[in-house]
Amino acid sequence: MANLKSQIKRNRQTVKQTARNKALRSELRTRTRSALETAESGDSEAADIALRAAKKQIDIATSRGILHRNTAARRKSRLEQRVRQLLSG
């Protein structure tokens, strides 16, 4: 257990930040999965809306420091390709 006041505060902050980041990562995975499932169903309009929501969530995660910007760009690109592939074939 930490004895210093600053370390005790730091531990409290870490718990809050971890919970916040975990929620954002979970939401990111949910949005990505929903975009892929919608594309598999064949509904192009709904897939487009779900894809935009997933991309927005990736951008939010990037702006909050959860994802690196190159990782975010790669994920968005791969998601877009996968959705287009599922809708075309």
Protein backbone atom coordinates (compact mmCIF):
# COMPACT_ATOMS: atom_id res chain seq x y z
CA MET A 1 0.00 0.00 0.00
CA ALA A 2 1.24 3.48 -0.84
CA ASN A 3 2.24 5.77 2.00
CA LEU A 4 2.67 9.02 0.08
CA LYS A 5 -0.36 11.25 -0.40
CA SER A 6 0.53 11.87 -4.03
CA GLN A 7 0.78 8.15 -4.75
CA ILE A 8 -2.54 7.46 -3.04
CA LYS A 9 -4.17 10.12 -5.23
CA ARG A 10 -2.42 8.71 -8.29
CA ASN A 11 -3.84 5.25 -7.52
CA ARG A 12 -7.35 6.69 -7.26
CA GLN A 13 -6.92 8.46 -10.60
CA THR A 14 -5.61 5.29 -12.24
CA VAL A 15 -8.68 3.32 -11.19
CA LYS A 16 -11.00 5.97 -12.69
CA GLN A 17 -9.00 6.25 -15.91
CA THR A 18 -8.80 2.48 -16.34
CA ALA A 19 -12.58 2.18 -16.00
CA ARG A 20 -13.13 5.00 -18.51
CA ASN A 21 -10.69 3.51 -21.03
CA LYS A 22 -12.17 0.05 -20.61
CA ALA A 23 -15.66 1.38 -21.35
CA LEU A 24 -14.44 3.19 -24.46
CA ARG A 25 -12.59 0.12 -25.76
CA SER A 26 -15.67 -2.00 -25.17
CA GLU A 27 -17.87 0.48 -27.03
CA LEU A 28 -15.33 0.51 -29.86
CA ARG A 29 -15.45 -3.27 -30.21
CA THR A 30 -19.26 -3.26 -30.04
CA ARG A 31 -19.59 -0.64 -32.79
CA THR A 32 -17.09 -2.49 -34.99
CA ARG A 33 -18.89 -5.80 -34.53
CA SER A 34 -22.27 -4.22 -35.24
CA ALA A 35 -20.95 -2.66 -38.47
CA LEU A 36 -19.71 -6.05 -39.66
CA GLU A 37 -22.93 -7.85 -38.68
CA THR A 38 -25.03 -5.24 -40.46
CA ALA A 39 -22.90 -5.59 -43.58
CA GLU A 40 -23.30 -9.38 -43.46
CA SER A 41 -27.07 -8.97 -43.40
CA GLY A 42 -26.81 -7.14 -46.74
CA ASP A 43 -28.56 -3.89 -45.78
CA SER A 44 -26.26 -1.30 -47.35
CA GLU A 45 -27.92 1.77 -45.80
CA ALA A 46 -27.82 0.39 -42.28
CA ALA A 47 -24.27 -0.85 -42.86
CA ASP A 48 -23.20 2.63 -43.94
CA ILE A 49 -24.70 4.16 -40.79
CA ALA A 50 -23.07 1.51 -38.57
CA LEU A 51 -19.74 2.01 -40.36
CA ARG A 52 -19.87 5.76 -39.76
CA ALA A 53 -20.66 5.16 -36.07
CA ALA A 54 -17.72 2.74 -35.77
CA LYS A 55 -15.35 5.19 -37.45
CA LYS A 56 -16.52 7.96 -35.13
CA GLN A 57 -15.88 5.75 -32.11
CA ILE A 58 -12.37 4.98 -33.40
CA ASP A 59 -11.74 8.73 -33.77
CA ILE A 60 -12.98 9.36 -30.23
CA ALA A 61 -10.68 6.65 -28.87
CA THR A 62 -7.77 8.22 -30.77
CA SER A 63 -8.48 11.70 -29.46
CA ARG A 64 -8.62 10.37 -25.88
CA GLY A 65 -5.27 8.59 -26.26
CA ILE A 66 -6.61 5.04 -26.18
CA LEU A 67 -5.47 4.26 -29.73
CA HIS A 68 -2.44 5.52 -31.62
CA ARG A 69 -3.38 7.53 -34.70
CA ASN A 70 -1.75 5.05 -37.08
CA THR A 71 -3.55 2.16 -35.40
CA ALA A 72 -6.82 4.06 -35.76
CA ALA A 73 -6.19 4.74 -39.44
CA ARG A 74 -5.37 1.08 -40.05
CA ARG A 75 -8.47 -0.12 -38.21
CA LYS A 76 -10.74 2.27 -40.10
CA SER A 77 -9.24 1.25 -43.42
CA ARG A 78 -9.56 -2.47 -42.73
CA LEU A 79 -13.09 -2.08 -41.42
CA GLU A 80 -14.10 -0.10 -44.52
CA GLN A 81 -12.59 -2.76 -46.80
CA ARG A 82 -14.28 -5.58 -44.93
CA VAL A 83 -17.69 -3.90 -44.99
CA ARG A 84 -17.40 -3.13 -48.72
CA GLN A 85 -16.34 -6.72 -49.38
CA LEU A 86 -19.29 -8.14 -47.43
CA LEU A 87 -21.76 -5.84 -49.19
CA SER A 88 -20.46 -6.62 -52.68
CA GLY A 89 -20.27 -10.36 -52.33
